[in-house]
């Protein structure tokens, strides 16, 4: 179950208004980051007694778009079943105008592939769109008007935070499920000023605590499928991530970060 629900989307998922980079107020810093993942807490009913692993997150500029690569490897320990090693590879490309998106997802348990998703998606300028899956099987789903792809959503969060907004709700499609986009509601906390004395120059920007709740398409439940908390800087870097699945929580703490080269476009 956890292998199916673990994301980035986020993550980001982890992570503009549909405008070219040169027209947006968000100054993204392409970067490569490594996070250490540990179990923050778990209810006894979850059966989870331990978790540990790493997450690689890479955000690169490809001139006409953003290339995101996320790789997770997490060992889960359970009270009444064997331990399991869960891995996810999530590679995407997203146009800077926010209207084109490609995704390639692979999920494994103990080295065996459990699910593969691959395809591309398009949206119109403020209009509806569609996503075409090549895997797990050929299919097409409609995307409602206003649907954002992950990077566009991250940049929209930053823009909203910079303007003093405390809430943002959007439909977001990341390709991690064939069910369609999630309704993502986000609460934005108080701005923290830039830390000019931080050892790493990439961590000297202002940031906001953000909490995102993910509701599946057409969900009638008042409870989200899962929640994601993060300390999000104005250059797109997440200082820390909290993945909350209700009865257990995993923390991803930043261990190392370095800049990615910027292309000559």
Protein backbone atom coordinates (compact mmCIF):
# COMPACT_ATOMS: atom_id res chain seq x y z
CA UNK A 1 0.00 0.00 0.00
CA UNK A 2 2.75 2.41 0.94
CA UNK A 3 4.60 1.74 -2.33
CA UNK A 4 1.54 2.85 -4.26
CA UNK A 5 1.04 6.03 -2.26
CA UNK A 6 4.61 7.31 -1.91
CA UNK A 7 5.09 10.34 -4.20
CA UNK A 8 6.87 13.43 -4.89
CA UNK A 9 4.61 14.98 -6.45
CA UNK A 10 5.63 15.76 -4.97
CA UNK A 11 5.79 16.13 -4.48
CA UNK A 12 6.65 16.79 -5.42
CA UNK A 13 5.68 15.88 -5.20
CA UNK A 14 7.42 18.14 -4.43
CA UNK A 15 6.98 20.62 -6.70
CA UNK A 16 4.14 28.98 -11.72
CA UNK A 17 1.66 30.36 -13.25
CA UNK A 18 1.79 29.01 -16.79
CA UNK A 19 4.33 31.52 -18.11
CA UNK A 20 7.89 31.20 -19.42
CA UNK A 21 10.57 31.48 -16.77
CA UNK A 22 11.63 34.93 -17.97
CA UNK A 23 8.11 36.25 -17.32
CA UNK A 24 7.61 34.90 -13.83
CA UNK A 25 8.76 36.40 -10.55
CA UNK A 26 10.06 33.03 -9.36
CA UNK A 27 13.81 32.65 -9.81
CA UNK A 28 14.26 28.87 -9.80
CA UNK A 29 17.63 27.44 -8.76
CA UNK A 30 18.33 24.18 -10.62
CA UNK A 31 19.76 21.79 -8.05
CA UNK A 32 20.48 18.25 -6.95
CA UNK A 33 19.52 17.31 -3.37
CA UNK A 34 19.76 14.19 -1.24
CA UNK A 35 17.38 13.63 1.68
CA UNK A 36 17.55 11.10 4.50
CA UNK A 37 14.18 9.47 5.16
CA UNK A 38 13.19 8.21 8.61
CA UNK A 39 10.01 7.23 10.41
CA UNK A 40 8.75 10.24 12.34
CA UNK A 41 5.89 8.46 14.12
CA UNK A 42 3.41 5.64 13.64
CA UNK A 43 0.17 4.47 15.21
CA UNK A 44 0.10 0.86 16.39
CA UNK A 45 -2.73 0.10 13.97
CA UNK A 46 -0.49 0.90 11.01
CA UNK A 47 1.75 -2.11 11.66
CA UNK A 48 4.75 0.08 10.81
CA UNK A 49 7.59 -0.02 13.34
CA UNK A 50 10.44 1.49 11.34
CA UNK A 51 11.43 3.17 8.09
CA UNK A 52 14.69 4.41 6.65
CA UNK A 53 16.17 5.30 3.30
CA UNK A 54 17.20 8.05 0.92
CA UNK A 55 15.60 10.27 -1.66
CA UNK A 56 17.38 11.92 -4.60
CA UNK A 57 15.73 14.99 -6.10
CA UNK A 58 17.10 16.73 -9.18
CA UNK A 59 15.59 19.82 -10.82
CA UNK A 60 17.29 20.74 -14.11
CA UNK A 61 16.72 23.53 -16.66
CA UNK A 62 16.44 22.31 -20.27
CA UNK A 63 15.84 25.78 -21.78
CA UNK A 64 12.29 25.14 -23.00
CA UNK A 65 11.29 23.14 -19.94
CA UNK A 66 12.13 21.65 -16.56
CA UNK A 67 13.41 18.11 -16.09
CA UNK A 68 12.65 16.60 -12.69
CA UNK A 69 14.15 13.34 -11.47
CA UNK A 70 13.14 11.79 -8.14
CA UNK A 71 14.42 8.46 -6.87
CA UNK A 72 13.42 6.90 -3.55
CA UNK A 73 14.69 3.83 -1.77
CA UNK A 74 12.98 3.11 1.53
CA UNK A 75 13.11 0.05 3.77
CA UNK A 76 9.88 -0.44 5.70
CA UNK A 77 9.73 -2.51 8.90
CA UNK A 78 6.47 -4.06 10.05
CA UNK A 79 5.37 -5.65 13.31
CA UNK A 80 3.56 -8.63 11.75
CA UNK A 81 5.10 -9.13 8.31
CA UNK A 82 8.50 -9.21 6.64
CA UNK A 83 10.43 -6.04 6.01
CA UNK A 84 10.15 -4.63 2.49
CA UNK A 85 12.41 -2.44 0.37
CA UNK A 86 10.37 0.01 -1.69
CA UNK A 87 11.82 1.97 -4.60
CA UNK A 88 10.32 4.56 -6.91
CA UNK A 89 11.82 6.24 -9.96
CA UNK A 90 9.91 9.31 -11.15
CA UNK A 91 11.30 11.21 -14.18
CA UNK A 92 9.37 14.06 -15.83
CA UNK A 93 9.75 16.88 -18.31
CA UNK A 94 7.48 19.92 -18.20
CA UNK A 95 7.35 22.83 -20.64
CA UNK A 96 7.92 26.26 -19.13
CA UNK A 97 4.62 27.47 -20.57
CA UNK A 98 2.92 24.83 -18.40
CA UNK A 99 1.06 23.22 -21.31
CA UNK A 100 3.09 20.05 -22.08
CA UNK A 101 4.24 17.29 -19.76
CA UNK A 102 5.93 13.88 -20.06
CA UNK A 103 6.21 11.32 -17.26
CA UNK A 104 7.89 7.98 -16.62
CA UNK A 105 7.22 6.24 -13.30
CA UNK A 106 8.51 2.88 -12.06
CA UNK A 107 7.66 1.36 -8.68
CA UNK A 108 9.43 -1.66 -7.19
CA UNK A 109 9.11 -3.84 -4.11
CA UNK A 110 12.14 -5.92 -3.09
CA UNK A 111 13.64 -5.39 -6.53
CA UNK A 112 10.55 -6.54 -8.45
CA UNK A 113 8.59 -4.05 -10.56
CA UNK A 114 5.06 -3.61 -9.23
CA UNK A 115 3.85 -0.81 -11.50
CA UNK A 116 4.99 1.28 -14.47
CA UNK A 117 3.32 4.43 -15.76
CA UNK A 118 4.42 6.33 -18.83
CA UNK A 119 2.83 8.93 -21.04
CA UNK A 120 2.39 12.58 -21.87
CA UNK A 121 -0.18 15.27 -21.26
CA UNK A 122 -1.25 18.63 -22.65
CA UNK A 123 -3.42 21.50 -21.54
CA UNK A 124 -4.64 24.60 -23.34
CA UNK A 125 -4.11 28.17 -22.14
CA UNK A 126 -6.62 28.09 -19.29
CA UNK A 127 -8.62 25.35 -20.98
CA UNK A 128 -9.11 21.63 -20.55
CA UNK A 129 -6.54 19.06 -21.65
CA UNK A 130 -5.83 15.36 -21.79
CA UNK A 131 -3.29 12.80 -20.62
CA UNK A 132 -2.32 9.83 -22.77
CA UNK A 133 -0.87 6.77 -21.05
CA UNK A 134 1.37 4.31 -22.91
CA UNK A 135 1.76 2.22 -19.73
CA UNK A 136 0.34 0.32 -17.90
CA UNK A 137 -1.84 0.21 -21.01
CA UNK A 138 -2.85 2.63 -23.73
CA UNK A 139 -5.54 4.96 -22.42
CA UNK A 140 -6.58 8.60 -22.42
CA UNK A 141 -8.12 10.66 -19.63
CA UNK A 142 -9.48 14.20 -19.70
CA UNK A 143 -7.92 16.93 -17.58
CA UNK A 144 -10.30 19.62 -16.29
CA UNK A 145 -9.70 23.24 -17.20
CA UNK A 146 -7.15 24.82 -14.89
CA UNK A 147 -5.22 21.60 -14.22
CA UNK A 148 -1.56 22.25 -13.41
CA UNK A 149 1.44 19.99 -13.80
CA UNK A 150 3.80 19.55 -10.80
CA UNK A 151 6.43 22.22 -11.51
CA UNK A 152 3.78 24.77 -12.44
CA UNK A 153 2.06 23.98 -9.15
CA UNK A 154 5.27 24.46 -7.14
CA UNK A 155 5.91 27.81 -8.80
CA UNK A 156 2.30 28.84 -8.21
CA UNK A 157 2.77 28.06 -4.51
CA UNK A 158 5.87 30.24 -4.35
CA UNK A 159 4.17 33.11 -6.17
CA UNK A 160 1.17 32.89 -3.85
CA UNK A 161 3.41 32.82 -0.77
CA UNK A 162 5.42 35.82 -2.00
CA UNK A 163 2.17 37.78 -2.38
CA UNK A 164 1.16 36.98 1.20
CA UNK A 165 -1.50 34.39 0.38
CA UNK A 166 -2.20 31.74 3.03
CA UNK A 167 -4.16 29.24 0.92
CA UNK A 168 -4.02 27.80 -2.59
CA UNK A 169 -6.23 25.09 -4.11
CA UNK A 170 -5.49 23.60 -7.53
CA UNK A 171 -6.03 20.42 -9.52
CA UNK A 172 -2.65 18.83 -10.23
CA UNK A 173 -1.76 15.98 -12.59
CA UNK A 174 1.61 14.22 -12.10
CA UNK A 175 1.15 10.92 -13.95
CA UNK A 176 1.60 8.87 -10.78
CA UNK A 177 -1.87 7.32 -11.08
CA UNK A 178 -4.24 6.53 -13.92
CA UNK A 179 -7.20 7.93 -11.96
CA UNK A 180 -6.54 11.53 -13.02
CA UNK A 181 -5.51 14.73 -11.26
CA UNK A 182 -5.55 15.32 -7.52
CA UNK A 183 -7.30 18.25 -5.88
CA UNK A 184 -4.41 19.75 -3.89
CA UNK A 185 -5.25 22.21 -1.13
CA UNK A 186 -2.32 24.06 0.37
CA UNK A 187 -1.91 26.05 3.55
CA UNK A 188 0.97 28.56 3.53
CA UNK A 189 2.56 29.64 6.81
CA UNK A 190 4.44 32.72 7.93
CA UNK A 191 7.44 33.79 5.86
CA UNK A 192 10.88 33.11 7.37
CA UNK A 193 13.55 35.64 6.37
CA UNK A 194 16.62 34.72 4.36
CA UNK A 195 19.51 33.36 6.43
CA UNK A 196 22.49 35.21 5.03
CA UNK A 197 24.88 33.30 7.29
CA UNK A 198 23.90 29.82 6.06
CA UNK A 199 26.96 27.76 5.11
CA UNK A 200 25.50 26.69 1.76
CA UNK A 201 24.59 29.66 -0.50
CA UNK A 202 21.62 27.69 -1.85
CA UNK A 203 20.00 27.79 1.61
CA UNK A 204 20.18 31.56 2.15
CA UNK A 205 16.77 32.36 0.69
CA UNK A 206 13.53 33.19 2.46
CA UNK A 207 11.10 30.30 2.94
CA UNK A 208 7.60 29.33 4.04
CA UNK A 209 6.20 26.26 5.81
CA UNK A 210 3.66 24.70 3.42
CA UNK A 211 1.15 21.93 4.07
CA UNK A 212 -0.52 20.21 1.11
CA UNK A 213 -3.49 17.83 1.25
CA UNK A 214 -4.07 15.50 -1.74
CA UNK A 215 -7.62 14.42 -2.58
CA UNK A 216 -8.15 11.86 -5.38
CA UNK A 217 -10.28 12.80 -8.36
CA UNK A 218 -14.03 12.68 -7.56
CA UNK A 219 -13.31 11.89 -3.91
CA UNK A 220 -16.28 12.36 -1.56
CA UNK A 221 -14.19 11.84 1.57
CA UNK A 222 -13.40 14.81 3.81
CA UNK A 223 -10.04 13.15 4.54
CA UNK A 224 -7.15 13.48 2.06
CA UNK A 225 -5.37 10.45 0.61
CA UNK A 226 -2.18 11.80 2.15
CA UNK A 227 -0.54 15.09 3.15
CA UNK A 228 2.82 16.64 2.38
CA UNK A 229 4.54 19.25 4.52
CA UNK A 230 7.63 21.12 3.42
CA UNK A 231 9.77 24.15 4.15
CA UNK A 232 9.78 25.73 0.68
CA UNK A 233 12.27 28.41 -0.35
CA UNK A 234 11.51 31.09 -2.94
CA UNK A 235 14.04 29.49 -5.33
CA UNK A 236 12.20 26.14 -5.39
CA UNK A 237 14.37 24.29 -2.88
CA UNK A 238 12.66 22.25 -0.16
CA UNK A 239 14.65 22.29 3.07
CA UNK A 240 12.69 19.42 4.59
CA UNK A 241 9.70 17.23 3.74
CA UNK A 242 7.08 15.48 5.86
CA UNK A 243 4.98 12.72 4.24
CA UNK A 244 1.88 12.11 6.34
CA UNK A 245 -0.22 9.02 5.56
CA UNK A 246 -2.54 9.39 8.54
CA UNK A 247 -1.44 6.45 10.67
CA UNK A 248 2.28 6.93 10.03
CA UNK A 249 4.58 9.79 9.05
CA UNK A 250 7.93 9.78 7.23
CA UNK A 251 10.38 12.71 7.48
CA UNK A 252 12.85 13.53 4.67
CA UNK A 253 15.69 15.69 5.99
CA UNK A 254 18.06 17.46 3.62
CA UNK A 255 21.54 15.93 3.81
CA UNK A 256 23.32 17.53 0.86
CA UNK A 257 22.57 19.93 -1.98
CA UNK A 258 24.50 21.32 -4.92
CA UNK A 259 23.67 23.56 -7.89
CA UNK A 260 22.95 22.13 -11.33
CA UNK A 261 24.57 23.84 -14.32
CA UNK A 262 22.38 26.36 -16.11
CA UNK A 263 22.20 25.93 -19.90
CA UNK A 264 23.08 28.64 -22.42
CA UNK A 265 19.71 29.08 -24.08
